[in-house]
Protein backbone atom coordinates (compact mmCIF):
# COMPACT_ATOMS: atom_id res chain seq x y z
CA MET A 1 -281.21 21.15 -48.24
CA GLU A 2 -280.79 18.69 -51.03
CA ARG A 3 -278.93 15.65 -49.37
CA PHE A 4 -276.96 13.99 -46.44
CA GLU A 5 -274.43 11.82 -45.46
CA ALA A 6 -274.17 9.95 -42.33
CA GLY A 7 -271.69 8.46 -39.88
CA VAL A 8 -271.51 7.14 -36.24
CA LYS A 9 -268.52 8.06 -34.05
CA GLY A 10 -267.54 9.06 -30.50
CA PRO A 11 -267.80 7.51 -26.89
CA ARG A 12 -271.73 8.51 -26.91
CA ALA A 13 -273.29 7.35 -30.18
CA GLN A 14 -273.45 10.18 -32.43
CA VAL A 15 -274.92 10.43 -35.93
CA TRP A 16 -273.29 13.29 -38.09
CA ILE A 17 -275.17 14.52 -41.01
CA ASP A 18 -273.49 16.67 -43.63
CA LEU A 19 -276.40 19.03 -45.15
CA LEU A 20 -275.70 20.59 -48.54
CA GLY A 21 -277.20 24.03 -49.18
CA LEU A 22 -279.50 25.10 -52.22
CA PRO A 23 -278.28 24.80 -55.67
CA GLN A 24 -275.86 27.99 -56.86
CA GLY A 25 -277.92 30.90 -57.98
CA GLN A 26 -281.11 29.76 -56.04
CA PRO A 27 -282.35 32.82 -54.06
CA ARG A 28 -281.95 32.53 -50.32
CA ILE A 29 -284.02 34.81 -47.71
CA CYS A 30 -282.21 37.43 -46.01
CA SER A 31 -282.67 37.04 -42.06
CA GLY A 32 -282.58 41.02 -41.85
CA CYS A 33 -285.42 42.06 -44.34
CA GLN A 34 -286.96 38.66 -45.06
CA ARG A 35 -286.42 39.33 -48.82
CA PRO A 36 -285.02 36.94 -51.48
CA VAL A 37 -281.45 37.46 -52.42
CA ARG A 38 -279.16 35.57 -54.88
CA GLY A 39 -275.90 36.95 -54.08
CA ILE A 40 -273.60 34.99 -51.55
CA HIS A 41 -271.16 37.09 -49.33
CA ASP A 42 -269.23 34.04 -47.83
CA TRP A 43 -269.91 30.60 -46.30
CA SER A 44 -269.04 29.35 -42.83
CA PRO A 45 -269.37 25.58 -41.36
CA ARG A 46 -271.52 25.04 -38.31
CA GLU A 47 -272.15 22.06 -36.02
CA ILE A 48 -275.85 22.10 -35.19
CA ARG A 49 -277.67 19.66 -32.57
CA ASP A 50 -280.81 18.12 -33.60
CA LEU A 51 -283.22 15.80 -31.95
CA PRO A 52 -281.60 12.46 -31.46
CA ILE A 53 -281.93 9.54 -33.46
CA PHE A 54 -283.18 6.37 -31.27
CA ASP A 55 -280.04 6.64 -28.79
CA ALA A 56 -277.55 8.42 -30.57
CA ASP A 57 -277.09 12.48 -30.44
CA THR A 58 -277.57 14.01 -34.05
CA ILE A 59 -275.16 16.46 -35.27
CA LEU A 60 -275.72 18.43 -38.25
CA MET A 61 -272.95 19.99 -40.31
CA VAL A 62 -274.43 23.03 -42.06
CA TRP A 63 -272.62 25.35 -44.29
CA ARG A 64 -274.26 28.65 -43.47
CA ALA A 65 -274.54 31.21 -46.10
CA ARG A 66 -274.42 34.97 -45.64
CA VAL A 67 -275.99 36.83 -48.38
CA ALA A 68 -275.01 39.86 -49.79
CA CYS A 69 -278.29 41.68 -49.27
CA PRO A 70 -278.55 45.10 -51.04
CA SER A 71 -280.67 46.49 -48.33
CA CYS A 72 -279.09 44.96 -45.04
CA GLY A 73 -275.69 44.20 -46.18
CA PRO A 74 -273.98 40.76 -45.30
CA ARG A 75 -276.77 38.87 -43.22
CA LEU A 76 -277.38 35.27 -42.58
CA GLU A 77 -279.40 33.20 -44.83
CA ALA A 78 -282.91 32.82 -42.77
CA LEU A 79 -283.77 29.23 -41.96
CA ASP A 80 -287.36 28.18 -40.90
CA TRP A 81 -285.54 25.56 -38.75
CA LEU A 82 -282.90 27.48 -37.06
CA GLU A 83 -282.60 30.48 -35.37
CA PRO A 84 -279.90 32.90 -37.08
CA TYR A 85 -276.92 32.03 -34.36
CA ALA A 86 -278.33 29.11 -32.49
CA ARG A 87 -276.55 25.80 -32.26
CA VAL A 88 -279.44 23.58 -31.71
CA THR A 89 -282.63 23.33 -34.10
CA TYR A 90 -285.69 24.70 -33.39
CA ARG A 91 -287.31 21.54 -32.85
CA LEU A 92 -284.70 20.40 -30.31
CA ALA A 93 -285.05 23.52 -28.40
CA GLU A 94 -288.80 23.07 -28.40
CA SER A 95 -288.36 19.77 -26.81
CA VAL A 96 -285.82 20.88 -24.30
CA ALA A 97 -288.16 23.65 -23.27
CA ARG A 98 -291.22 20.95 -22.98
CA LEU A 99 -288.98 18.68 -20.57
CA CYS A 100 -287.79 21.68 -18.61
CA LYS A 101 -291.65 22.05 -17.36
CA VAL A 102 -291.32 18.69 -15.73
CA MET A 103 -287.79 17.90 -15.12
CA PRO A 104 -284.90 19.72 -13.49
CA ILE A 105 -282.39 21.70 -15.71
CA LYS A 106 -279.65 19.43 -14.98
CA ARG A 107 -281.28 16.21 -15.93
CA VAL A 108 -282.45 17.59 -19.27
CA ALA A 109 -278.93 18.73 -19.89
CA GLU A 110 -277.73 15.07 -19.15
CA HIS A 111 -280.63 13.52 -21.38
CA TYR A 112 -279.70 15.51 -24.30
CA ASP A 113 -275.80 15.73 -23.32
CA LEU A 114 -276.13 19.84 -23.57
CA HIS A 115 -274.33 22.12 -21.15
CA TRP A 116 -276.63 23.44 -18.43
CA GLY A 117 -276.55 26.98 -19.41
CA THR A 118 -277.19 26.02 -23.04
CA VAL A 119 -280.51 24.34 -21.50
CA LYS A 120 -281.26 27.41 -19.35
CA ASP A 121 -280.94 29.95 -22.25
CA ILE A 122 -283.24 27.78 -24.33
CA ASP A 123 -285.95 27.65 -21.58
CA LYS A 124 -285.54 31.13 -20.73
CA ALA A 125 -286.10 32.13 -24.28
CA PHE A 126 -289.19 30.14 -24.78
CA LEU A 127 -290.57 31.34 -21.43
CA GLU A 128 -290.28 34.65 -22.56
CA ARG A 129 -291.91 34.07 -25.83
CA ALA A 130 -294.76 31.96 -24.20
CA LEU A 131 -295.94 34.15 -21.18
CA GLU A 132 -298.80 36.21 -22.10
CA PRO A 133 -298.66 39.97 -20.81
CA VAL A 134 -299.83 40.30 -17.19
CA ARG A 135 -303.69 41.15 -17.01
CA LEU A 136 -303.80 44.16 -14.66
CA GLY A 137 -307.26 45.60 -15.76
CA LYS A 138 -309.41 44.10 -13.24
CA VAL A 139 -306.97 43.62 -10.50
CA ARG A 140 -308.93 44.42 -7.03
CA LEU A 141 -307.38 42.02 -4.43
CA LEU A 142 -303.59 41.60 -3.99
CA MET A 143 -301.49 39.15 -1.98
CA MET A 144 -297.93 40.03 -1.37
CA ASP A 145 -295.12 38.06 0.27
CA GLU A 146 -291.37 37.59 0.48
CA PHE A 147 -289.43 34.20 -0.30
CA ALA A 148 -285.58 33.41 0.49
CA LEU A 149 -283.65 33.53 -2.82
CA HIS A 150 -280.50 31.81 -1.72
CA LYS A 151 -279.16 30.70 1.79
CA GLY A 152 -278.36 33.78 3.91
CA GLN A 153 -280.22 37.31 3.81
CA SER A 154 -281.08 37.25 -0.35
CA TYR A 155 -284.93 37.82 -0.69
CA ALA A 156 -287.32 38.48 -3.25
CA THR A 157 -290.96 40.03 -3.00
CA VAL A 158 -293.87 38.35 -5.10
CA PHE A 159 -297.35 40.05 -5.99
CA ALA A 160 -300.21 37.93 -7.12
CA ASP A 161 -304.31 38.75 -7.87
CA ALA A 162 -305.70 36.81 -5.11
CA GLU A 163 -309.03 36.50 -7.35
CA THR A 164 -307.20 34.92 -10.47
CA ARG A 165 -303.87 33.43 -8.58
CA GLN A 166 -301.98 35.05 -11.32
CA VAL A 167 -298.59 36.13 -10.23
CA LEU A 168 -298.29 39.76 -11.42
CA TRP A 169 -294.67 40.75 -10.50
CA VAL A 170 -291.73 39.39 -8.73
CA GLY A 171 -288.75 41.64 -7.63
CA LYS A 172 -285.56 41.14 -5.70
CA GLY A 173 -285.34 42.43 -2.22
CA ARG A 174 -287.87 43.17 0.36
CA ASN A 175 -287.11 46.93 1.29
CA ARG A 176 -289.30 49.73 0.53
CA ALA A 177 -287.09 50.77 -2.38
CA ASP A 178 -287.62 47.11 -3.85
CA VAL A 179 -291.27 46.95 -3.21
CA SER A 180 -291.96 50.27 -4.55
CA PRO A 181 -291.37 49.87 -8.31
CA PHE A 182 -294.45 47.53 -8.51
CA PHE A 183 -296.86 50.00 -7.29
CA GLU A 184 -295.16 52.50 -9.90
CA TRP A 185 -295.80 49.93 -12.58
CA LEU A 186 -299.39 49.32 -11.45
CA GLY A 187 -299.95 53.09 -11.82
CA LYS A 188 -301.95 55.61 -9.62
CA ARG A 189 -305.34 54.80 -11.29
CA ARG A 190 -305.16 51.12 -10.67
CA CYS A 191 -303.62 51.43 -7.12
CA LYS A 192 -306.84 53.45 -6.36
CA LYS A 193 -309.07 50.30 -7.27
CA ILE A 194 -307.20 47.95 -5.04
CA ARG A 195 -309.63 47.36 -2.42
CA ALA A 196 -307.53 44.83 -0.14
CA VAL A 197 -303.81 43.26 0.32
CA ALA A 198 -303.19 40.31 2.24
CA MET A 199 -299.65 40.31 3.54
CA ASP A 200 -297.83 39.20 6.51
CA MET A 201 -296.62 41.53 9.28
CA SER A 202 -293.91 43.21 7.80
CA PRO A 203 -293.86 47.15 8.51
CA THR A 204 -292.34 47.75 4.97
CA PHE A 205 -295.13 46.11 3.33
CA GLU A 206 -297.98 47.75 5.38
CA LEU A 207 -296.02 51.46 4.65
CA GLU A 208 -296.00 50.94 1.00
CA VAL A 209 -299.70 49.66 0.58
CA ARG A 210 -300.99 52.74 2.81
CA GLU A 211 -298.91 54.88 0.71
CA HIS A 212 -299.78 53.83 -2.81
CA CYS A 213 -303.35 52.35 -2.31
CA PRO A 214 -305.44 54.76 -0.36
CA ASN A 215 -308.58 52.74 -0.82
CA ALA A 216 -307.29 49.22 0.17
CA GLU A 217 -307.69 47.30 3.62
CA ILE A 218 -304.63 45.34 4.88
CA VAL A 219 -305.31 41.85 5.72
CA LEU A 220 -302.73 40.25 7.88
CA ASP A 221 -302.33 36.53 6.64
CA GLN A 222 -303.10 33.96 9.27
CA PHE A 223 -300.00 31.54 8.09
CA HIS A 224 -297.55 34.45 8.83
CA VAL A 225 -298.97 35.84 12.11
CA VAL A 226 -299.17 32.22 13.66
CA ALA A 227 -295.68 31.30 12.59
CA ASN A 228 -294.59 34.57 14.11
CA PHE A 229 -296.51 33.46 17.34
CA GLY A 230 -294.55 30.11 17.15
CA HIS A 231 -291.04 31.80 16.85
CA GLN A 232 -291.71 34.67 19.26
CA VAL A 233 -293.71 32.86 21.88
CA ILE A 234 -293.47 29.20 21.91
CA ASP A 235 -289.66 29.14 20.91
CA ARG A 236 -288.67 31.81 23.54
CA ILE A 237 -290.79 30.15 26.34
CA ARG A 238 -289.38 26.68 25.11
CA VAL A 239 -285.77 28.11 25.65
CA ASN A 240 -286.64 29.77 28.94
CA GLU A 241 -287.89 26.40 30.49
CA ALA A 242 -285.09 24.31 29.05
CA ASN A 243 -282.72 26.92 30.94
CA ARG A 244 -284.99 26.96 34.07
CA CYS A 245 -284.59 22.87 33.78
CA ARG A 246 -280.85 23.05 33.58
CA ASP A 247 -280.71 20.73 36.72
CA ASP A 248 -283.02 18.09 35.57
CA LYS A 249 -281.19 16.67 32.54
CA ALA A 250 -283.70 14.48 31.28
CA ALA A 251 -286.53 17.29 31.22
CA ARG A 252 -283.90 19.57 29.80
CA GLU A 253 -283.25 17.26 26.77
CA LEU A 254 -287.04 16.53 26.22
CA ILE A 255 -287.81 20.50 26.02
CA LYS A 256 -284.65 21.34 23.88
CA GLY A 257 -285.75 18.36 21.43
CA ALA A 258 -289.21 19.44 21.19
CA LYS A 259 -289.06 22.53 18.92
CA TRP A 260 -290.72 21.33 15.84
CA LEU A 261 -293.30 19.27 17.89
CA LEU A 262 -294.25 22.55 19.53
CA LEU A 263 -294.16 24.86 16.37
CA GLY A 264 -296.11 22.52 14.06
CA ASN A 265 -299.75 21.58 13.87
CA TRP A 266 -301.14 18.70 15.72
CA GLU A 267 -302.80 17.25 12.79
CA ASN A 268 -299.37 17.15 10.73
CA LEU A 269 -297.66 15.12 13.38
CA PRO A 270 -295.85 12.45 11.64
CA ASP A 271 -297.09 9.56 13.64
CA ARG A 272 -298.57 8.51 16.90
CA LYS A 273 -295.52 8.27 18.67
CA ALA A 274 -294.70 12.01 18.16
CA LYS A 275 -298.33 12.91 19.48
CA VAL A 276 -297.76 10.91 22.46
CA LYS A 277 -294.38 12.76 23.10
CA LEU A 278 -296.10 16.12 22.55
CA ASN A 279 -298.92 15.12 25.10
CA GLU A 280 -296.24 14.04 27.70
CA LEU A 281 -294.47 17.26 27.49
CA LEU A 282 -297.61 19.57 27.49
CA ASP A 283 -298.75 17.68 30.68
CA ALA A 284 -295.54 18.02 32.53
CA ASN A 285 -295.13 21.86 31.65
CA GLN A 286 -297.70 24.55 32.31
CA ALA A 287 -296.09 27.43 30.34
CA LEU A 288 -295.65 25.43 27.31
CA MET A 289 -299.29 24.14 27.77
CA THR A 290 -300.53 27.71 27.98
CA ALA A 291 -298.48 28.78 24.76
CA TYR A 292 -299.63 26.08 22.89
CA VAL A 293 -303.24 26.30 23.67
CA MET A 294 -303.09 30.07 22.91
CA LYS A 295 -301.67 29.42 19.46
CA ASP A 296 -304.81 27.34 18.60
CA ALA A 297 -306.93 29.96 20.07
CA LEU A 298 -305.20 32.83 17.93
CA LYS A 299 -305.71 30.54 14.76
CA GLY A 300 -309.58 30.62 15.55
CA LEU A 301 -309.64 34.33 14.98
CA TRP A 302 -309.87 33.84 11.11
CA ALA A 303 -312.58 31.45 11.28
CA TYR A 304 -315.10 34.21 12.43
CA LYS A 305 -317.15 35.75 9.31
CA ARG A 306 -318.83 38.26 11.36
CA GLU A 307 -316.46 41.05 12.72
CA GLY A 308 -318.50 41.50 15.86
CA TRP A 309 -317.79 38.01 16.99
CA ALA A 310 -314.36 38.09 15.89
CA ARG A 311 -313.68 41.33 18.04
CA LYS A 312 -315.21 39.47 21.11
CA ALA A 313 -312.97 36.57 20.58
CA TRP A 314 -309.99 38.67 20.33
CA GLU A 315 -310.75 40.67 23.37
CA HIS A 316 -311.10 37.18 25.28
CA TRP A 317 -307.49 36.08 23.79
CA LEU A 318 -306.21 39.46 24.74
CA GLY A 319 -307.28 38.95 28.18
CA MET A 320 -305.92 35.62 28.65
CA ALA A 321 -302.62 36.49 27.25
CA ARG A 322 -302.52 39.59 29.65
CA ALA A 323 -303.16 37.09 32.54
CA SER A 324 -300.84 34.52 31.39
CA ASN A 325 -297.94 35.84 33.23
CA LEU A 326 -295.65 34.81 30.45
CA PRO A 327 -293.53 37.92 29.22
CA PRO A 328 -293.08 36.51 25.53
CA LEU A 329 -296.71 36.02 25.20
CA MET A 330 -297.68 39.28 26.69
CA ARG A 331 -295.36 41.35 24.66
CA PHE A 332 -296.64 39.49 21.47
CA ALA A 333 -300.14 40.20 22.23
CA GLU A 334 -299.54 43.98 22.90
CA ASN A 335 -297.78 44.20 19.56
CA LEU A 336 -300.61 42.43 17.86
CA ALA A 337 -303.06 44.55 19.38
CA LYS A 338 -301.78 47.50 17.41
CA ARG A 339 -302.58 45.52 14.15
CA ILE A 340 -305.83 43.97 15.38
CA GLU A 341 -307.89 45.92 12.75
CA ASP A 342 -305.70 44.31 10.10
CA ILE A 343 -306.79 41.02 11.46
CA LEU A 344 -310.42 41.72 11.69
CA SER A 345 -310.56 43.07 7.92
CA HIS A 346 -310.40 39.28 6.95
CA CYS A 347 -314.29 39.25 7.73
CA ARG A 348 -314.76 41.88 4.88
CA TRP A 349 -312.12 40.39 2.76
CA PRO A 350 -311.90 36.73 3.27
CA LEU A 351 -308.62 36.07 1.27
CA ASN A 352 -307.49 32.44 1.37
CA THR A 353 -304.10 32.36 2.86
CA SER A 354 -303.68 28.76 1.38
CA ILE A 355 -303.18 30.74 -2.05
CA LEU A 356 -299.94 32.37 -0.36
CA GLU A 357 -298.77 29.25 0.83
CA GLY A 358 -299.26 27.06 -2.27
CA ILE A 359 -297.11 30.09 -4.01
CA ASN A 360 -294.49 29.81 -1.41
CA ASN A 361 -294.35 26.00 -1.53
CA LYS A 362 -294.34 25.77 -5.58
CA ILE A 363 -291.36 28.31 -5.36
CA LYS A 364 -289.27 26.07 -2.86
CA VAL A 365 -290.15 23.26 -5.36
CA LEU A 366 -288.87 25.14 -8.37
CA LYS A 367 -285.58 26.00 -6.40
CA ARG A 368 -285.20 22.50 -5.47
CA ILE A 369 -285.42 20.69 -8.87
CA ALA A 370 -283.34 23.43 -10.19
CA TYR A 371 -280.43 23.00 -7.62
CA GLY A 372 -280.59 26.67 -7.16
CA TYR A 373 -281.03 29.50 -9.74
CA ARG A 374 -278.15 31.68 -10.71
CA ASP A 375 -280.15 33.78 -13.35
CA GLU A 376 -282.62 35.53 -11.17
CA ALA A 377 -284.66 36.90 -13.99
CA TYR A 378 -284.97 33.32 -15.32
CA PHE A 379 -286.06 32.17 -11.88
CA PHE A 380 -288.85 34.90 -12.02
CA LEU A 381 -290.12 33.77 -15.29
CA LYS A 382 -290.30 30.28 -13.95
CA ILE A 383 -292.61 31.54 -11.18
CA ARG A 384 -295.06 33.49 -13.40
CA ALA A 385 -295.24 30.54 -15.66
CA ALA A 386 -296.21 28.39 -12.73
CA PHE A 387 -299.12 30.80 -11.91
CA PRO A 388 -300.47 31.95 -15.17
CA GLY A 389 -303.97 32.70 -13.51
CA ASN A 390 -307.32 31.40 -14.07
CA PRO A 391 -309.09 33.07 -17.23
C-alpha cells in the first residue's frame, strides 16, 4: 500500500485510514496458488479494524482486489497482514488472543469495541493453530473426571496424563457411549500400556477402564470418595437429626444451618467463630460427632504407603462403621467394601488427587471468567490450553 488519508469521527474516537493499492499492472499474489498475477478481476471496498491509535479505534478502508488467476480463477489478493475474509488485521487478532489468556472475553470485546462472537472466533482460531498435538507415546497413568458444563444435567469428561499433567481429551457427556471414544482414539496398543487410572466412584468409568485397559489398576480418588461420604452419610444423618429435633426449635435450626460446616474440612473453616460453632454442635450430637470423626478416619486410608497397614486401617474403619448403629454410615461402608481393592491400589500407584482438584478448579475459573461458554468446542480448547503438560 502506498499512502493513506486519516480523519476522526463517531461517538467513540475513531481514526479512518484509506489505503490505496499497488500501482496498476504491478503483480499481486493469488491467495489460492500463491503465484504473482497481474490481471485484476474486480475490486471491492472493505472496512478492516486495526490496533487502536492511542485511545481511538482504527478503521482501514481497504480496496480488496480479486485477481484473475489463470490457475485458480477469481481469487482474493493475498496480504501478509490480513486473512482472506477477515475483518480485523492479523496484528489486532494476535493482540486479542493474548488478552484472552488473562481476561474474560466480554472485557476484551469491550476494550476493542468488538462483538463478543468476533473475539471468541479470533481466540478459537489462534488456539487451534497454537495447540500442539497431544503426546500419547509415553502415557502410562491416566486421570479421568467429570465436570458440569452448564446448570442442570449437562456434563463433560476430561482425561489427563497423571505424569505430565497434560489434558489429553475432553468430551461432552459422562455415559459409556460418551467416554468410549477416548479409548478408541487411544487405540488398543496404547490402552494395554496403561498401568493405572485415577477416577471417582462412577460405575461407568469403572466399566470402560476394565473393558479397554486390561492391564490397568483403578485408583479411587480420595477427594471424590470423601465427598460421597459427606453427601451420603453426613448430610443424611444431619437431616435425620434435624427431623428428630423438630420439637426443639433452637437445636433444629442449629443442625439445619450446619451443612457446610460439617461437609468442609476443619482447616478450611473461615474463622474461629465457625470452629466454635462446629465444636458446640458435635459436642451436643453424638451421631454427627461419629460421622464427622469417621470422615477424617476415612481420609487417613490414603496416607498409608504400605498396603498391609492400609488394609488393617480399613478393617478397623469398617468394624467401627458396622458398630455405629447409623444406617447411612453402615450402608456406605458396605458399598465401599466392594471397591476396597481400588482404594488400596493407591499404595502401588500414589496418584496425586490434588492434580484432579486443580483441573476442576481451573475449569470452574474458565467458565466463570467467560460468563459461560456457548461454544463447547472452544471451551474444550481453552481447557487443553490451560493444561499443556510438562515437557
